[in-house]
Amino acid sequence: MVLQTFDALPPELLVSVLVCGSTYDLGRMSCTCSSFRALVEVALRQRAGLCGERDAELPEGEVSWTQLLLWRERRRRPCGKVLAAGRMHSAFADAEGRLLTCGTDGDGHGFLGHGDEVVDGSISAPLPLESLGWPLVRIVAVAAHTMHSLALSAEGAVFSFGQGRCGKLGHGDEATEWRPRRVVALEHEHAASVAAGQQHSLVLTSAGGVYSFGSGFAGKLGHGDRRNQLAPRRVEALRGLKVAAVAAGSYHSLAVAEGRAYSFGDGGMGQLGHGDRHEQLAPKRIGALTLILTLTLTLTLILTLTLTLTPTLTLTLTRTRTRTLTRTRTRTLTLTLALALP
């Protein structure tokens, strides 16, 4: 027996399949197949509920639940920078989620994270940090600069260690941390990305918020002043924007939000991109830089239900993606589910 239409299938069955789909596929289905639009939203809501998100009403400024939930899923994925280079040390996150460091800390700043018992302050090969409690804590991204290191766990927790001058570790003081210590001020947030600059740090959350802490030299924290911050403080100038990425240099910072780039901090070498050498105490859009993403899509869905002596549901999705007028790529995804029939 072959069913010819989607309507012949129980909605609950379709939703159970969609819940297992990728963020990419669900977005394309919602855009190109009206039969799936409502089901995609239900599937996304179920997945959001598993992450503790249970909004009763659509937040102000949003026009679509599907669009909002898809964006949140995209932001929940940590931006997995699995290696980072400081001045005299390196940090790594391996495939198993272990945090490893190597390098030389001869002056005792703690940025290797192994405590003060390291012989001569030097480690010549990547060494796992046992104090994090792997595998209960798995690291998916790292960042490093001259005197400190940052690590991001799969659960969205931020850890910092090294020299604490100016508050760049985010613990409310300037103490040195010899081993990774969780930034408790961010416990209420799910971090998605971390960046380490010279005496300052940036954290991007899965909700698109940006926090900065450490040295406020030249306004590189983005708070409209030059004051140091010993604990994470949200960059209010970026509130309301869906920030997708952040980066930290020695004396300035960058952010990308909704296809536009912003910079703030010291502009003495022209590094802010505003056509001058002035400092910016708050994020300012780089007017000369345009980020454009053009994508033309075609999506074809074929659904076949075949009942045999061994009950099996085979769902075949044929996706055709056209990036340009002359280049087309087609991929087929097949999902097989076992059915328990009386």
Protein backbone atom coordinates (compact mmCIF):
# COMPACT_ATOMS: atom_id res chain seq x y z
CA MET A 1 0.00 0.00 0.00
CA VAL A 2 1.40 3.40 -0.95
CA LEU A 3 0.09 6.66 0.49
CA GLN A 4 0.09 9.47 -2.03
CA THR A 5 -0.27 12.59 0.16
CA PHE A 6 1.12 14.01 3.38
CA ASP A 7 -2.43 14.43 4.71
CA ALA A 8 -2.81 10.65 4.88
CA LEU A 9 -0.14 10.43 7.58
CA PRO A 10 -0.86 11.14 11.27
CA PRO A 11 0.53 14.58 12.22
CA GLU A 12 2.10 13.09 15.34
CA LEU A 13 4.13 10.74 13.19
CA LEU A 14 5.38 13.54 10.96
CA VAL A 15 6.31 15.68 13.95
CA SER A 16 8.26 12.79 15.50
CA VAL A 17 10.29 12.59 12.29
CA LEU A 18 10.78 16.35 12.03
CA VAL A 19 12.02 16.58 15.62
CA CYS A 20 15.02 14.52 14.50
CA GLY A 21 15.76 16.77 11.52
CA SER A 22 18.54 19.33 11.27
CA THR A 23 17.98 23.04 11.79
CA TYR A 24 18.90 23.57 8.14
CA ASP A 25 16.33 21.10 6.81
CA LEU A 26 13.52 22.36 9.02
CA GLY A 27 14.11 25.91 7.89
CA ARG A 28 14.02 24.95 4.23
CA MET A 29 10.89 22.85 4.69
CA SER A 30 9.08 25.70 6.37
CA CYS A 31 10.00 28.10 3.58
CA THR A 32 9.14 25.89 0.62
CA CYS A 33 6.41 23.47 1.69
CA SER A 34 3.20 24.89 3.16
CA SER A 35 2.06 21.40 4.18
CA PHE A 36 4.95 21.21 6.62
CA ARG A 37 4.91 24.78 7.97
CA ALA A 38 2.72 24.20 11.03
CA LEU A 39 4.35 20.83 11.75
CA VAL A 40 7.82 22.38 11.66
CA GLU A 41 6.74 24.92 14.27
CA VAL A 42 5.41 22.16 16.53
CA ALA A 43 8.67 20.22 16.16
CA LEU A 44 10.74 23.30 16.94
CA ARG A 45 8.64 24.07 20.01
CA GLN A 46 9.19 20.53 21.28
CA ARG A 47 12.95 20.87 20.87
CA ALA A 48 12.93 24.30 22.51
CA GLY A 49 11.06 22.83 25.48
CA LEU A 50 13.83 20.30 25.98
CA CYS A 51 16.23 23.25 26.33
CA GLY A 52 14.03 24.96 28.91
CA GLU A 53 12.54 27.53 26.53
CA ARG A 54 8.78 27.86 27.02
CA ASP A 55 7.72 31.29 25.80
CA ALA A 56 3.99 31.83 26.16
CA GLU A 57 3.86 34.72 23.72
CA LEU A 58 5.94 35.75 20.74
CA PRO A 59 8.51 38.30 21.99
CA GLU A 60 8.02 41.88 20.93
CA GLY A 61 9.61 42.63 17.57
CA GLU A 62 9.46 39.03 16.34
CA VAL A 63 7.16 38.17 13.44
CA SER A 64 7.37 34.37 13.33
CA TRP A 65 7.73 31.60 15.90
CA THR A 66 9.47 29.42 13.34
CA GLN A 67 11.99 32.10 12.45
CA LEU A 68 12.70 32.85 16.11
CA LEU A 69 13.09 29.20 17.14
CA LEU A 70 15.32 28.39 14.17
CA TRP A 71 17.56 31.33 15.02
CA ARG A 72 17.74 30.25 18.66
CA GLU A 73 18.76 26.75 17.61
CA ARG A 74 21.48 28.17 15.42
CA ARG A 75 22.77 30.30 18.30
CA ARG A 76 22.65 27.38 20.76
CA ARG A 77 25.33 25.66 18.77
CA PRO A 78 28.66 26.78 20.23
CA CYS A 79 30.96 28.40 17.71
CA GLY A 80 33.51 25.64 18.01
CA LYS A 81 36.90 27.26 17.90
CA VAL A 82 38.80 24.22 19.09
CA LEU A 83 42.27 25.74 19.22
CA ALA A 84 43.65 29.08 20.32
CA ALA A 85 47.10 30.67 20.34
CA GLY A 86 48.33 33.01 23.07
CA ARG A 87 51.71 34.68 23.12
CA MET A 88 53.53 31.81 24.80
CA HIS A 89 50.88 29.11 25.09
CA SER A 90 48.25 27.20 23.16
CA ALA A 91 44.88 25.77 24.15
CA PHE A 92 42.93 22.93 22.53
CA ALA A 93 39.56 21.21 22.81
CA ASP A 94 39.80 17.68 21.45
CA ALA A 95 37.07 15.54 19.89
CA GLU A 96 36.22 14.01 23.28
CA GLY A 97 35.67 17.40 24.89
CA ARG A 98 38.91 17.52 26.87
CA LEU A 99 40.70 20.82 27.46
CA LEU A 100 44.45 20.68 26.82
CA THR A 101 47.18 23.33 27.03
CA CYS A 102 50.89 23.61 26.41
CA GLY A 103 53.50 26.35 26.45
CA THR A 104 55.63 28.27 28.92
CA ASP A 105 54.46 30.26 31.92
CA GLY A 106 57.80 31.18 33.43
CA ASP A 107 56.48 34.24 35.28
CA GLY A 108 53.61 32.36 36.93
CA HIS A 109 50.49 33.89 35.39
CA GLY A 110 48.48 30.67 35.47
CA PHE A 111 47.27 30.67 31.86
CA LEU A 112 48.21 26.99 31.36
CA GLY A 113 45.59 25.99 33.93
CA HIS A 114 47.55 23.13 35.53
CA GLY A 115 48.24 24.82 38.85
CA ASP A 116 51.48 26.18 40.23
CA GLU A 117 53.22 22.81 40.43
CA VAL A 118 54.23 22.68 36.75
CA VAL A 119 58.01 22.14 36.60
CA ASP A 120 59.74 25.30 35.36
CA GLY A 121 56.34 26.58 34.25
CA SER A 122 56.71 24.76 30.94
CA ILE A 123 54.71 22.04 29.16
CA SER A 124 56.08 21.01 25.78
CA ALA A 125 53.16 18.83 24.62
CA PRO A 126 49.38 19.31 25.01
CA LEU A 127 48.36 18.11 28.48
CA PRO A 128 44.73 17.58 29.58
CA LEU A 129 43.44 19.68 32.47
CA GLU A 130 42.10 17.21 35.00
CA SER A 131 40.52 19.81 37.29
CA LEU A 132 37.54 20.39 34.99
CA GLY A 133 36.13 16.96 35.78
CA TRP A 134 35.96 15.50 32.27
CA PRO A 135 33.79 13.77 31.05
CA LEU A 136 31.13 15.51 33.14
CA VAL A 137 32.34 18.80 31.67
CA ARG A 138 33.14 18.71 27.97
CA ILE A 139 34.83 21.69 26.34
CA VAL A 140 33.77 22.69 22.82
CA ALA A 141 35.60 26.01 22.30
CA VAL A 142 38.64 27.87 23.62
CA ALA A 143 40.19 31.33 23.43
CA ALA A 144 43.57 32.64 24.54
CA HIS A 145 45.62 35.82 24.67
CA THR A 146 48.86 36.88 26.29
CA MET A 147 48.03 36.30 29.94
CA HIS A 148 44.75 34.40 30.16
CA SER A 149 42.65 31.64 28.65
CA LEU A 150 38.92 30.98 28.25
CA ALA A 151 37.01 27.74 27.71
CA LEU A 152 33.39 27.06 26.78
CA SER A 153 31.57 23.87 27.75
CA ALA A 154 28.91 22.02 25.78
CA GLU A 155 26.36 23.19 28.38
CA GLY A 156 27.19 26.85 27.70
CA ALA A 157 29.31 27.45 30.82
CA VAL A 158 32.34 29.77 30.62
CA PHE A 159 35.61 29.02 32.42
CA SER A 160 38.60 31.34 32.75
CA PHE A 161 42.11 31.06 34.13
CA GLY A 162 45.36 32.99 34.15
CA GLN A 163 46.30 36.47 35.25
CA GLY A 164 43.26 38.39 36.52
CA ARG A 165 44.52 41.95 36.14
CA CYS A 166 41.80 44.45 35.17
CA GLY A 167 39.15 41.80 35.81
CA LYS A 168 39.54 39.99 32.50
CA LEU A 169 38.70 36.63 34.11
CA GLY A 170 35.26 37.89 35.11
CA HIS A 171 35.30 36.75 38.76
CA GLY A 172 34.76 40.16 40.34
CA ASP A 173 38.40 40.61 41.36
CA GLU A 174 41.90 40.73 39.86
CA ALA A 175 43.24 37.53 41.38
CA THR A 176 45.24 34.99 39.39
CA GLU A 177 43.45 31.70 38.72
CA TRP A 178 45.83 28.75 38.39
CA ARG A 179 43.09 26.37 37.27
CA PRO A 180 39.89 26.84 35.22
CA ARG A 181 37.18 28.53 37.28
CA ARG A 182 33.61 28.95 36.14
CA VAL A 183 32.42 32.53 35.60
CA VAL A 184 29.47 32.37 37.98
CA ALA A 185 28.14 35.76 36.91
CA LEU A 186 27.14 34.10 33.61
CA GLU A 187 25.42 31.07 35.14
CA HIS A 188 22.04 32.44 34.07
CA GLU A 189 23.17 32.59 30.45
CA HIS A 190 23.92 29.92 27.86
CA ALA A 191 27.17 31.00 26.24
CA ALA A 192 27.78 30.21 22.58
CA SER A 193 31.18 31.78 21.94
CA VAL A 194 34.14 33.30 23.79
CA ALA A 195 36.91 35.68 22.72
CA ALA A 196 40.07 36.74 24.55
CA GLY A 197 41.80 40.07 23.96
CA GLN A 198 44.68 41.88 25.62
CA GLN A 199 43.38 42.34 29.17
CA HIS A 200 39.71 41.87 28.19
CA SER A 201 37.23 39.14 27.29
CA LEU A 202 34.01 38.84 25.31
CA VAL A 203 31.20 36.30 25.67
CA LEU A 204 28.38 35.79 23.16
CA THR A 205 25.25 34.06 24.45
CA SER A 206 22.92 31.77 22.55
CA ALA A 207 20.24 34.47 22.83
CA GLY A 208 22.48 36.90 20.94
CA GLY A 209 23.62 38.97 23.92
CA VAL A 210 27.20 40.17 24.31
CA TYR A 211 29.03 40.49 27.63
CA SER A 212 32.44 42.09 28.11
CA PHE A 213 34.79 42.39 31.07
CA GLY A 214 38.35 43.41 31.84
CA SER A 215 40.22 46.50 30.74
CA GLY A 216 38.09 49.34 29.37
CA PHE A 217 41.03 50.97 27.58
CA ALA A 218 39.83 53.13 24.67
CA GLY A 219 36.30 51.79 25.07
CA LYS A 220 37.04 48.26 23.88
CA LEU A 221 34.39 46.86 26.25
CA GLY A 222 31.71 48.82 24.39
CA HIS A 223 30.01 50.38 27.43
CA GLY A 224 30.43 54.00 26.39
CA ASP A 225 33.31 54.67 28.79
CA ARG A 226 36.86 53.55 29.56
CA ARG A 227 36.24 51.96 32.94
CA ASN A 228 37.43 48.46 33.77
CA GLN A 229 34.82 45.80 34.51
CA LEU A 230 35.72 43.13 37.06
CA ALA A 231 32.63 41.07 36.21
CA PRO A 232 30.72 40.44 32.97
CA ARG A 233 28.56 43.37 31.89
CA ARG A 234 26.14 43.27 28.98
CA VAL A 235 26.91 45.56 26.04
CA GLU A 236 23.68 47.54 25.98
CA ALA A 237 24.42 49.15 22.61
CA LEU A 238 24.02 45.72 21.00
CA ARG A 239 20.86 44.77 22.89
CA GLY A 240 18.01 44.05 20.51
CA LEU A 241 20.36 42.93 17.74
CA LYS A 242 20.90 39.27 16.91
CA VAL A 243 24.65 39.10 17.32
CA ALA A 244 26.14 36.10 15.56
CA ALA A 245 29.88 36.42 16.25
CA VAL A 246 32.41 38.38 18.30
CA ALA A 247 36.17 38.85 18.14
CA ALA A 248 38.70 40.54 20.42
CA GLY A 249 42.01 42.12 19.51
CA SER A 250 44.59 43.70 21.76
CA TYR A 251 42.88 47.08 21.97
CA HIS A 252 39.58 46.73 20.09
CA SER A 253 36.61 44.43 19.63
CA LEU A 254 34.34 43.35 16.78
CA ALA A 255 30.82 41.99 16.49
CA VAL A 256 28.59 40.83 13.65
CA ALA A 257 24.85 41.30 13.98
CA GLU A 258 22.18 40.72 11.34
CA GLY A 259 24.69 40.86 8.49
CA ARG A 260 26.40 44.02 9.69
CA ALA A 261 29.80 44.44 11.31
CA TYR A 262 30.42 46.64 14.35
CA SER A 263 33.69 47.75 15.96
CA PHE A 264 34.69 49.58 19.13
CA GLY A 265 37.81 50.44 21.06
CA ASP A 266 41.10 51.96 19.93
CA GLY A 267 41.21 53.13 16.34
CA GLY A 268 44.72 54.58 16.34
CA MET A 269 45.89 52.27 13.55
CA GLY A 270 42.67 52.43 11.55
CA GLN A 271 41.66 48.98 12.81
CA LEU A 272 38.04 49.94 13.47
CA GLY A 273 37.36 50.47 9.78
CA HIS A 274 35.54 53.79 10.05
CA GLY A 275 37.83 55.77 7.79
CA ASP A 276 39.56 57.56 10.68
CA ARG A 277 41.80 56.88 13.67
CA HIS A 278 39.37 57.80 16.42
CA GLU A 279 38.47 55.59 19.34
CA GLN A 280 34.92 54.32 19.71
CA LEU A 281 33.57 53.92 23.23
CA ALA A 282 30.51 52.03 21.99
CA PRO A 283 29.87 49.69 19.04
CA LYS A 284 29.64 51.53 15.73
CA ARG A 285 28.60 49.99 12.44
CA ILE A 286 31.35 49.71 9.83
CA GLY A 287 29.63 51.55 6.99
CA ALA A 288 32.14 50.61 4.31
CA LEU A 289 31.69 46.89 4.93
CA THR A 290 28.67 45.08 3.56
CA LEU A 291 28.08 41.45 4.39
CA ILE A 292 25.86 39.89 1.74
CA LEU A 293 24.60 36.33 1.60
CA THR A 294 22.60 35.47 -1.50
CA LEU A 295 21.04 32.03 -1.70
CA THR A 296 18.54 30.63 -4.18
CA LEU A 297 16.83 27.45 -3.03
CA THR A 298 14.71 24.73 -4.59
CA LEU A 299 13.33 21.99 -2.33
CA THR A 300 11.63 18.85 -3.57
CA LEU A 301 10.04 16.45 -1.08
CA ILE A 302 9.01 12.91 -1.88
CA LEU A 303 7.27 10.86 0.82
CA THR A 304 6.57 7.18 0.39
CA LEU A 305 5.05 4.85 2.99
CA THR A 306 5.43 1.18 2.24
CA LEU A 307 4.06 -1.56 4.49
CA THR A 308 5.70 -4.96 4.14
CA LEU A 309 5.89 -8.10 6.25
CA THR A 310 8.50 -6.26 8.34
CA PRO A 311 6.75 -2.98 9.03
CA THR A 312 9.05 -0.12 8.04
CA LEU A 313 8.48 3.52 7.32
CA THR A 314 10.85 4.95 4.77
CA LEU A 315 10.93 8.68 4.43
CA THR A 316 12.95 9.93 1.49
CA LEU A 317 13.76 13.61 1.20
CA THR A 318 15.35 14.80 -2.00
CA ARG A 319 16.80 18.25 -1.60
CA THR A 320 18.03 20.32 -4.50
CA ARG A 321 20.01 23.38 -3.54
CA THR A 322 20.96 25.96 -6.14
CA ARG A 323 23.73 28.30 -5.06
CA THR A 324 24.12 30.12 -8.38
CA LEU A 325 22.41 30.04 -11.76
CA THR A 326 24.96 27.60 -13.07
CA ARG A 327 25.72 25.39 -10.09
CA THR A 328 23.25 22.93 -8.61
CA ARG A 329 23.82 20.31 -5.96
CA THR A 330 21.38 17.57 -5.05
CA ARG A 331 21.43 15.47 -1.90
CA THR A 332 19.10 12.72 -0.74
CA LEU A 333 18.40 11.92 2.89
CA THR A 334 16.71 8.67 3.83
CA LEU A 335 15.31 8.01 7.30
CA THR A 336 14.05 4.61 8.34
CA LEU A 337 11.79 4.14 11.39
CA ALA A 338 10.57 0.85 12.85
CA LEU A 339 6.83 0.77 13.48
CA ALA A 340 5.21 -1.25 16.23
CA LEU A 341 1.95 -2.50 14.70
CA PRO A 342 -0.62 -4.79 16.36
